[in-house]
């Protein structure tokens, strides 16, 4: 998920436009797209990686992630820490070791998705671009696709739903321009969105719901669902940073 198509390279797809692409181990370039790339980790990506690796969030963050600041929005941004030779740590000669739980940026490739706020609180506006991918042989494969078919084939719908929900924080109406979080706010950001074990403990403290104006029912839902816990983290963080969800 990219907030706007600023800084993106590639050709914007027109609504309904089809494209030609396929990928598989029979292509000579197989796994090349998993090397020397900036691979962003969005909050839902981390949730899914934790399920794939069966590791605590804190260990995944320490071992596989790097923290930076998005140069356009100012938000803290996580990306996958590449190995010394530039390869993704989850790739093997046979392909992706976490394929069933791979991040959204890997699923959407060879496309890129950019979003903007919707009008009057409506759904976000999204655009898709064909990424510049020199050396990729998938473009010559005789498989014609629509964006909708690619989203379905790659299991992107649940990722996009989670990412769209996070826009109520990232594109909060009280946000004016580039954000600048202090150290405590950055810690809250990581805890609420990426380290759900820590946030679950915080949300379980007595008085948490009343202090932050959250319905007790939401806490009950979050106790039974990590997806609900992540949504709660989004709304809580919006309250912390902007005074409202």
C-alpha atoms as a PDB file:
ATOM      1  CA  UNK A   1       0.000   0.000   0.000  1.00  0.00           C
ATOM      2  CA  UNK A   2       1.434   3.323  -1.073  1.00  0.00           C
ATOM      3  CA  UNK A   3      -0.320   6.544  -0.129  1.00  0.00           C
ATOM      4  CA  UNK A   4       0.072   8.133  -3.531  1.00  0.00           C
ATOM      5  CA  UNK A   5       1.802   7.250  -6.770  1.00  0.00           C
ATOM      6  CA  UNK A   6       4.587   9.733  -6.051  1.00  0.00           C
ATOM      7  CA  UNK A   7       7.972   8.119  -6.543  1.00  0.00           C
ATOM      8  CA  UNK A   8       6.531   5.037  -8.221  1.00  0.00           C
ATOM      9  CA  UNK A   9       7.907   3.872 -11.509  1.00  0.00           C
ATOM     10  CA  UNK A  10       5.813   2.024 -14.024  1.00  0.00           C
ATOM     11  CA  UNK A  11       2.808   2.566 -16.227  1.00  0.00           C
ATOM     12  CA  UNK A  12      -0.563   3.324 -14.726  1.00  0.00           C
ATOM     13  CA  UNK A  13      -3.260   0.885 -15.782  1.00  0.00           C
ATOM     14  CA  UNK A  14      -6.479   2.323 -17.122  1.00  0.00           C
ATOM     15  CA  UNK A  15      -9.721   1.049 -15.534  1.00  0.00           C
ATOM     16  CA  UNK A  16     -10.523  -2.343 -17.033  1.00  0.00           C
ATOM     17  CA  UNK A  17      -7.192  -2.609 -18.825  1.00  0.00           C
ATOM     18  CA  UNK A  18      -5.767  -6.117 -19.075  1.00  0.00           C
ATOM     19  CA  UNK A  19      -2.148  -7.183 -18.917  1.00  0.00           C
ATOM     20  CA  UNK A  20      -0.111 -10.273 -19.738  1.00  0.00           C
ATOM     21  CA  UNK A  21       1.914 -12.052 -17.056  1.00  0.00           C
ATOM     22  CA  UNK A  22       2.740 -15.395 -15.466  1.00  0.00           C
ATOM     23  CA  UNK A  23       5.425 -16.587 -13.057  1.00  0.00           C
ATOM     24  CA  UNK A  24       6.786 -20.002 -12.152  1.00  0.00           C
ATOM     25  CA  UNK A  25       9.910 -22.076 -11.531  1.00  0.00           C
ATOM     26  CA  UNK A  26      10.175 -22.883 -15.231  1.00  0.00           C
ATOM     27  CA  UNK A  27      11.252 -19.287 -15.959  1.00  0.00           C
ATOM     28  CA  UNK A  28      14.988 -18.551 -15.955  1.00  0.00           C
ATOM     29  CA  UNK A  29      14.405 -15.439 -13.841  1.00  0.00           C
ATOM     30  CA  UNK A  30      12.580 -17.350 -11.063  1.00  0.00           C
ATOM     31  CA  UNK A  31      13.367 -15.821  -7.636  1.00  0.00           C
ATOM     32  CA  UNK A  32      15.210 -12.849  -9.181  1.00  0.00           C
ATOM     33  CA  UNK A  33      12.375 -10.528  -8.132  1.00  0.00           C
ATOM     34  CA  UNK A  34      13.092 -11.501  -4.497  1.00  0.00           C
ATOM     35  CA  UNK A  35      16.531  -9.904  -4.572  1.00  0.00           C
ATOM     36  CA  UNK A  36      17.767  -6.316  -4.173  1.00  0.00           C
ATOM     37  CA  UNK A  37      14.267  -4.967  -3.609  1.00  0.00           C
ATOM     38  CA  UNK A  38      12.729  -2.732  -0.986  1.00  0.00           C
ATOM     39  CA  UNK A  39      10.056  -5.037   0.434  1.00  0.00           C
ATOM     40  CA  UNK A  40       7.697  -3.127   2.755  1.00  0.00           C
ATOM     41  CA  UNK A  41       6.071  -4.825   5.732  1.00  0.00           C
ATOM     42  CA  UNK A  42       2.615  -3.508   6.539  1.00  0.00           C
ATOM     43  CA  UNK A  43       0.936  -4.371   9.848  1.00  0.00           C
ATOM     44  CA  UNK A  44      -1.166  -7.204   8.424  1.00  0.00           C
ATOM     45  CA  UNK A  45       1.939  -8.590   6.709  1.00  0.00           C
ATOM     46  CA  UNK A  46       3.629  -8.967  10.091  1.00  0.00           C
ATOM     47  CA  UNK A  47       0.569 -10.686  11.539  1.00  0.00           C
ATOM     48  CA  UNK A  48       0.645 -13.241   8.723  1.00  0.00           C
ATOM     49  CA  UNK A  49       4.409 -13.755   8.906  1.00  0.00           C
ATOM     50  CA  UNK A  50       4.085 -14.550  12.589  1.00  0.00           C
ATOM     51  CA  UNK A  51       1.639 -17.305  11.710  1.00  0.00           C
ATOM     52  CA  UNK A  52       3.965 -18.656   9.031  1.00  0.00           C
ATOM     53  CA  UNK A  53       7.091 -18.629  11.183  1.00  0.00           C
ATOM     54  CA  UNK A  54       5.447 -19.426  14.538  1.00  0.00           C
ATOM     55  CA  UNK A  55       7.702 -16.864  16.188  1.00  0.00           C
ATOM     56  CA  UNK A  56       6.934 -13.964  18.544  1.00  0.00           C
ATOM     57  CA  UNK A  57       6.436 -10.595  16.874  1.00  0.00           C
ATOM     58  CA  UNK A  58       9.408  -9.156  18.761  1.00  0.00           C
ATOM     59  CA  UNK A  59      11.727 -11.801  17.333  1.00  0.00           C
ATOM     60  CA  UNK A  60      10.480 -11.259  13.789  1.00  0.00           C
ATOM     61  CA  UNK A  61      10.938  -7.509  14.155  1.00  0.00           C
ATOM     62  CA  UNK A  62      14.467  -7.940  15.456  1.00  0.00           C
ATOM     63  CA  UNK A  63      15.575 -10.648  13.057  1.00  0.00           C
ATOM     64  CA  UNK A  64      13.779  -9.900   9.804  1.00  0.00           C
ATOM     65  CA  UNK A  65      12.712  -6.230   9.789  1.00  0.00           C
ATOM     66  CA  UNK A  66      14.299  -2.806   9.459  1.00  0.00           C
ATOM     67  CA  UNK A  67      12.697   0.433  10.623  1.00  0.00           C
ATOM     68  CA  UNK A  68      12.885   3.584   8.536  1.00  0.00           C
ATOM     69  CA  UNK A  69      10.875   6.751   8.002  1.00  0.00           C
ATOM     70  CA  UNK A  70       8.778   7.124   4.885  1.00  0.00           C
ATOM     71  CA  UNK A  71      10.241  10.148   3.078  1.00  0.00           C
ATOM     72  CA  UNK A  72       6.865  11.327   1.786  1.00  0.00           C
ATOM     73  CA  UNK A  73       4.452  10.747   4.681  1.00  0.00           C
ATOM     74  CA  UNK A  74       6.854  10.751   7.636  1.00  0.00           C
ATOM     75  CA  UNK A  75       5.263   7.601   9.082  1.00  0.00           C
ATOM     76  CA  UNK A  76       7.529   4.911  10.536  1.00  0.00           C
ATOM     77  CA  UNK A  77       7.907   2.216   7.889  1.00  0.00           C
ATOM     78  CA  UNK A  78       9.132  -1.344   8.170  1.00  0.00           C
ATOM     79  CA  UNK A  79      10.763  -3.363   5.454  1.00  0.00           C
ATOM     80  CA  UNK A  80      12.208  -6.859   5.201  1.00  0.00           C
ATOM     81  CA  UNK A  81      15.880  -7.015   6.135  1.00  0.00           C
ATOM     82  CA  UNK A  82      17.700  -8.552   3.182  1.00  0.00           C
ATOM     83  CA  UNK A  83      20.627 -10.918   3.541  1.00  0.00           C
ATOM     84  CA  UNK A  84      24.169  -9.776   2.775  1.00  0.00           C
ATOM     85  CA  UNK A  85      23.814 -10.860  -0.855  1.00  0.00           C
ATOM     86  CA  UNK A  86      20.587  -8.868  -1.208  1.00  0.00           C
ATOM     87  CA  UNK A  87      18.194 -11.812  -1.117  1.00  0.00           C
ATOM     88  CA  UNK A  88      14.948 -11.966   0.821  1.00  0.00           C
ATOM     89  CA  UNK A  89      15.501 -14.157   3.905  1.00  0.00           C
ATOM     90  CA  UNK A  90      12.368 -16.150   3.120  1.00  0.00           C
ATOM     91  CA  UNK A  91      13.347 -17.230  -0.396  1.00  0.00           C
ATOM     92  CA  UNK A  92      14.820 -20.632  -1.231  1.00  0.00           C
ATOM     93  CA  UNK A  93      15.816 -22.255  -4.542  1.00  0.00           C
ATOM     94  CA  UNK A  94      12.353 -23.826  -4.610  1.00  0.00           C
ATOM     95  CA  UNK A  95      10.620 -20.477  -4.058  1.00  0.00           C
ATOM     96  CA  UNK A  96       9.118 -18.596  -1.122  1.00  0.00           C
ATOM     97  CA  UNK A  97       9.244 -20.425   2.227  1.00  0.00           C
ATOM     98  CA  UNK A  98       6.306 -18.392   3.556  1.00  0.00           C
ATOM     99  CA  UNK A  99       4.310 -18.370   0.325  1.00  0.00           C
ATOM    100  CA  UNK A 100       0.898 -18.930   1.926  1.00  0.00           C
ATOM    101  CA  UNK A 101       1.527 -15.939   4.206  1.00  0.00           C
ATOM    102  CA  UNK A 102       3.713 -13.790   1.935  1.00  0.00           C
ATOM    103  CA  UNK A 103       3.411  -9.985   2.250  1.00  0.00           C
ATOM    104  CA  UNK A 104       1.112  -7.861   0.122  1.00  0.00           C
ATOM    105  CA  UNK A 105       3.992  -6.355  -1.882  1.00  0.00           C
ATOM    106  CA  UNK A 106       4.932  -9.855  -3.063  1.00  0.00           C
ATOM    107  CA  UNK A 107       1.355 -10.818  -3.855  1.00  0.00           C
ATOM    108  CA  UNK A 108       0.605  -7.736  -5.916  1.00  0.00           C
ATOM    109  CA  UNK A 109       3.805  -7.982  -8.017  1.00  0.00           C
ATOM    110  CA  UNK A 110       4.173  -7.256 -10.958  1.00  0.00           C
ATOM    111  CA  UNK A 111       1.672  -4.546 -10.099  1.00  0.00           C
ATOM    112  CA  UNK A 112       1.932  -1.751  -7.551  1.00  0.00           C
ATOM    113  CA  UNK A 113      -1.080  -0.366  -5.702  1.00  0.00           C
ATOM    114  CA  UNK A 114      -1.378   3.264  -4.642  1.00  0.00           C
ATOM    115  CA  UNK A 115      -4.273   4.727  -2.673  1.00  0.00           C
ATOM    116  CA  UNK A 116      -5.721   8.149  -1.962  1.00  0.00           C
ATOM    117  CA  UNK A 117      -8.479   9.175   0.470  1.00  0.00           C
ATOM    118  CA  UNK A 118     -11.999   8.691  -0.814  1.00  0.00           C
ATOM    119  CA  UNK A 119     -14.436  11.565  -1.142  1.00  0.00           C
ATOM    120  CA  UNK A 120     -16.541  12.448   1.922  1.00  0.00           C
ATOM    121  CA  UNK A 121     -15.430   9.461   3.946  1.00  0.00           C
ATOM    122  CA  UNK A 122     -16.039   7.017   1.116  1.00  0.00           C
ATOM    123  CA  UNK A 123     -13.800   4.099   0.169  1.00  0.00           C
ATOM    124  CA  UNK A 124     -10.220   4.940  -0.832  1.00  0.00           C
ATOM    125  CA  UNK A 125      -9.394   5.608  -4.433  1.00  0.00           C
ATOM    126  CA  UNK A 126      -6.880   3.117  -5.751  1.00  0.00           C
ATOM    127  CA  UNK A 127      -4.718   2.950  -8.832  1.00  0.00           C
ATOM    128  CA  UNK A 128      -2.607   0.087 -10.122  1.00  0.00           C
ATOM    129  CA  UNK A 129       0.601   0.393 -12.051  1.00  0.00           C
ATOM    130  CA  UNK A 130       2.672  -2.103 -14.001  1.00  0.00           C
ATOM    131  CA  UNK A 131       6.030  -2.084 -12.260  1.00  0.00           C
ATOM    132  CA  UNK A 132       9.254  -1.544 -14.141  1.00  0.00           C
ATOM    133  CA  UNK A 133      10.837  -4.986 -13.895  1.00  0.00           C
ATOM    134  CA  UNK A 134      13.848  -5.307 -16.219  1.00  0.00           C
ATOM    135  CA  UNK A 135      14.840  -8.903 -16.746  1.00  0.00           C
ATOM    136  CA  UNK A 136      11.450 -10.311 -15.771  1.00  0.00           C
ATOM    137  CA  UNK A 137      10.416 -12.957 -18.295  1.00  0.00           C
ATOM    138  CA  UNK A 138       6.878 -13.220 -16.988  1.00  0.00           C
ATOM    139  CA  UNK A 139       5.691 -10.456 -19.295  1.00  0.00           C
ATOM    140  CA  UNK A 140       6.147 -12.710 -22.330  1.00  0.00           C
ATOM    141  CA  UNK A 141       3.976 -15.504 -20.935  1.00  0.00           C
ATOM    142  CA  UNK A 142       0.681 -15.893 -22.848  1.00  0.00           C
ATOM    143  CA  UNK A 143      -1.631 -15.380 -19.884  1.00  0.00           C
ATOM    144  CA  UNK A 144      -3.967 -12.399 -20.053  1.00  0.00           C
ATOM    145  CA  UNK A 145      -5.217 -10.992 -16.762  1.00  0.00           C
ATOM    146  CA  UNK A 146      -7.356  -8.251 -15.300  1.00  0.00           C
ATOM    147  CA  UNK A 147      -6.492  -6.522 -12.039  1.00  0.00           C
ATOM    148  CA  UNK A 148      -9.536  -8.135 -10.432  1.00  0.00           C
ATOM    149  CA  UNK A 149      -8.453 -11.619 -11.525  1.00  0.00           C
ATOM    150  CA  UNK A 150      -4.920 -11.035 -10.236  1.00  0.00           C
ATOM    151  CA  UNK A 151      -6.249  -9.888  -6.852  1.00  0.00           C
ATOM    152  CA  UNK A 152      -8.364 -13.033  -6.636  1.00  0.00           C
ATOM    153  CA  UNK A 153      -5.599 -15.387  -7.780  1.00  0.00           C
ATOM    154  CA  UNK A 154      -3.057 -13.960  -5.335  1.00  0.00           C
ATOM    155  CA  UNK A 155      -5.323 -13.874  -2.287  1.00  0.00           C
ATOM    156  CA  UNK A 156      -5.009 -10.111  -1.972  1.00  0.00           C
ATOM    157  CA  UNK A 157      -8.543  -9.283  -0.864  1.00  0.00           C
ATOM    158  CA  UNK A 158      -8.011  -9.841   2.878  1.00  0.00           C
ATOM    159  CA  UNK A 159      -4.718  -7.950   2.755  1.00  0.00           C
ATOM    160  CA  UNK A 160      -6.366  -5.004   1.032  1.00  0.00           C
ATOM    161  CA  UNK A 161      -9.226  -5.031   3.534  1.00  0.00           C
ATOM    162  CA  UNK A 162      -6.770  -4.814   6.433  1.00  0.00           C
ATOM    163  CA  UNK A 163      -4.677  -2.171   4.693  1.00  0.00           C
ATOM    164  CA  UNK A 164      -7.741  -0.106   3.825  1.00  0.00           C
ATOM    165  CA  UNK A 165      -8.825  -0.159   7.466  1.00  0.00           C
ATOM    166  CA  UNK A 166      -5.401   1.174   8.446  1.00  0.00           C
ATOM    167  CA  UNK A 167      -6.010   4.206   6.224  1.00  0.00           C
ATOM    168  CA  UNK A 168      -8.235   5.680   8.946  1.00  0.00           C
ATOM    169  CA  UNK A 169      -4.943   6.173  10.788  1.00  0.00           C
ATOM    170  CA  UNK A 170      -2.506   6.838   7.952  1.00  0.00           C
ATOM    171  CA  UNK A 171      -4.880   9.225   6.176  1.00  0.00           C
ATOM    172  CA  UNK A 172      -6.594  10.573   9.280  1.00  0.00           C
ATOM    173  CA  UNK A 173      -8.568  13.783   8.529  1.00  0.00           C
ATOM    174  CA  UNK A 174      -6.665  15.599  11.293  1.00  0.00           C
ATOM    175  CA  UNK A 175      -3.324  14.743   9.789  1.00  0.00           C
ATOM    176  CA  UNK A 176      -1.859  17.807   8.138  1.00  0.00           C
ATOM    177  CA  UNK A 177       1.044  17.068   5.866  1.00  0.00           C
ATOM    178  CA  UNK A 178       4.055  15.040   6.888  1.00  0.00           C
ATOM    179  CA  UNK A 179       3.914  13.475  10.349  1.00  0.00           C
ATOM    180  CA  UNK A 180       6.797  13.631  12.811  1.00  0.00           C
ATOM    181  CA  UNK A 181       6.515  11.151  15.668  1.00  0.00           C
ATOM    182  CA  UNK A 182       8.632  11.375  18.779  1.00  0.00           C
ATOM    183  CA  UNK A 183      10.265   8.322  20.349  1.00  0.00           C
ATOM    184  CA  UNK A 184       7.308   7.482  22.589  1.00  0.00           C
ATOM    185  CA  UNK A 185       4.845   7.809  19.706  1.00  0.00           C
ATOM    186  CA  UNK A 186       7.019   5.616  17.494  1.00  0.00           C
ATOM    187  CA  UNK A 187       7.090   2.984  20.239  1.00  0.00           C
ATOM    188  CA  UNK A 188       3.283   3.140  20.468  1.00  0.00           C
ATOM    189  CA  UNK A 189       3.074   2.826  16.671  1.00  0.00           C
ATOM    190  CA  UNK A 190       5.198  -0.328  16.599  1.00  0.00           C
ATOM    191  CA  UNK A 191       3.460  -1.860  19.617  1.00  0.00           C
ATOM    192  CA  UNK A 192      -0.107  -1.297  18.400  1.00  0.00           C
ATOM    193  CA  UNK A 193       0.435  -2.263  14.769  1.00  0.00           C
ATOM    194  CA  UNK A 194       3.312  -4.734  14.718  1.00  0.00           C
ATOM    195  CA  UNK A 195       3.785  -6.247  18.180  1.00  0.00           C
ATOM    196  CA  UNK A 196       0.305  -7.475  18.948  1.00  0.00           C
ATOM    197  CA  UNK A 197       1.416  -9.524  21.945  1.00  0.00           C
ATOM    198  CA  UNK A 198       2.491  -6.308  23.666  1.00  0.00           C
ATOM    199  CA  UNK A 199      -0.654  -4.447  22.612  1.00  0.00           C
ATOM    200  CA  UNK A 200      -2.862  -7.313  23.802  1.00  0.00           C
ATOM    201  CA  UNK A 201      -1.341  -6.984  27.273  1.00  0.00           C
ATOM    202  CA  UNK A 202      -1.889  -3.226  27.255  1.00  0.00           C
ATOM    203  CA  UNK A 203      -5.507  -3.595  26.133  1.00  0.00           C
ATOM    204  CA  UNK A 204      -6.142  -6.125  28.910  1.00  0.00           C
ATOM    205  CA  UNK A 205      -5.265  -3.633  31.634  1.00  0.00           C
ATOM    206  CA  UNK A 206      -8.120  -2.439  33.815  1.00  0.00           C
ATOM    207  CA  UNK A 207      -9.621   0.832  32.633  1.00  0.00           C
ATOM    208  CA  UNK A 208      -8.124   0.677  29.121  1.00  0.00           C
ATOM    209  CA  UNK A 209     -11.487   0.882  27.338  1.00  0.00           C
ATOM    210  CA  UNK A 210     -12.874   3.749  29.416  1.00  0.00           C
ATOM    211  CA  UNK A 211      -9.637   5.714  29.295  1.00  0.00           C
ATOM    212  CA  UNK A 212      -9.558   5.690  25.504  1.00  0.00           C
ATOM    213  CA  UNK A 213     -13.287   5.817  24.831  1.00  0.00           C
ATOM    214  CA  UNK A 214     -13.461   2.290  23.425  1.00  0.00           C
ATOM    215  CA  UNK A 215     -16.524   0.079  23.705  1.00  0.00           C
ATOM    216  CA  UNK A 216     -15.957  -2.930  25.998  1.00  0.00           C
ATOM    217  CA  UNK A 217     -17.421  -5.107  23.246  1.00  0.00           C
ATOM    218  CA  UNK A 218     -14.485  -4.228  21.035  1.00  0.00           C
ATOM    219  CA  UNK A 219     -12.030  -5.479  23.616  1.00  0.00           C
ATOM    220  CA  UNK A 220     -13.980  -8.720  23.859  1.00  0.00           C
ATOM    221  CA  UNK A 221     -13.833  -9.131  20.079  1.00  0.00           C
ATOM    222  CA  UNK A 222     -10.109  -8.367  20.055  1.00  0.00           C
ATOM    223  CA  UNK A 223      -9.453 -11.071  22.622  1.00  0.00           C
ATOM    224  CA  UNK A 224     -10.767 -13.670  20.185  1.00  0.00           C
ATOM    225  CA  UNK A 225      -9.301 -12.419  16.912  1.00  0.00           C
ATOM    226  CA  UNK A 226      -5.901 -11.071  15.956  1.00  0.00           C
ATOM    227  CA  UNK A 227      -7.476  -9.267  13.025  1.00  0.00           C
ATOM    228  CA  UNK A 228      -9.849  -7.500  15.423  1.00  0.00           C
ATOM    229  CA  UNK A 229      -6.932  -6.766  17.739  1.00  0.00           C
ATOM    230  CA  UNK A 230      -5.073  -5.108  14.869  1.00  0.00           C
ATOM    231  CA  UNK A 231      -8.121  -3.006  13.987  1.00  0.00           C
ATOM    232  CA  UNK A 232      -8.368  -2.013  17.636  1.00  0.00           C
ATOM    233  CA  UNK A 233      -4.706  -1.012  17.505  1.00  0.00           C
ATOM    234  CA  UNK A 234      -5.386   1.203  14.497  1.00  0.00           C
ATOM    235  CA  UNK A 235      -8.234   3.014  16.242  1.00  0.00           C
ATOM    236  CA  UNK A 236      -6.379   3.293  19.549  1.00  0.00           C
ATOM    237  CA  UNK A 237      -3.340   4.774  17.834  1.00  0.00           C
ATOM    238  CA  UNK A 238      -5.546   7.238  15.947  1.00  0.00           C
ATOM    239  CA  UNK A 239      -6.850   8.378  19.325  1.00  0.00           C
ATOM    240  CA  UNK A 240      -3.348   8.680  20.747  1.00  0.00           C
ATOM    241  CA  UNK A 241      -2.003  10.692  17.824  1.00  0.00           C
ATOM    242  CA  UNK A 242      -5.020  12.646  16.614  1.00  0.00           C
ATOM    243  CA  UNK A 243      -7.544  12.556  19.422  1.00  0.00           C
ATOM    244  CA  UNK A 244     -10.059  10.356  17.667  1.00  0.00           C
ATOM    245  CA  UNK A 245     -10.492   7.325  15.467  1.00  0.00           C
END
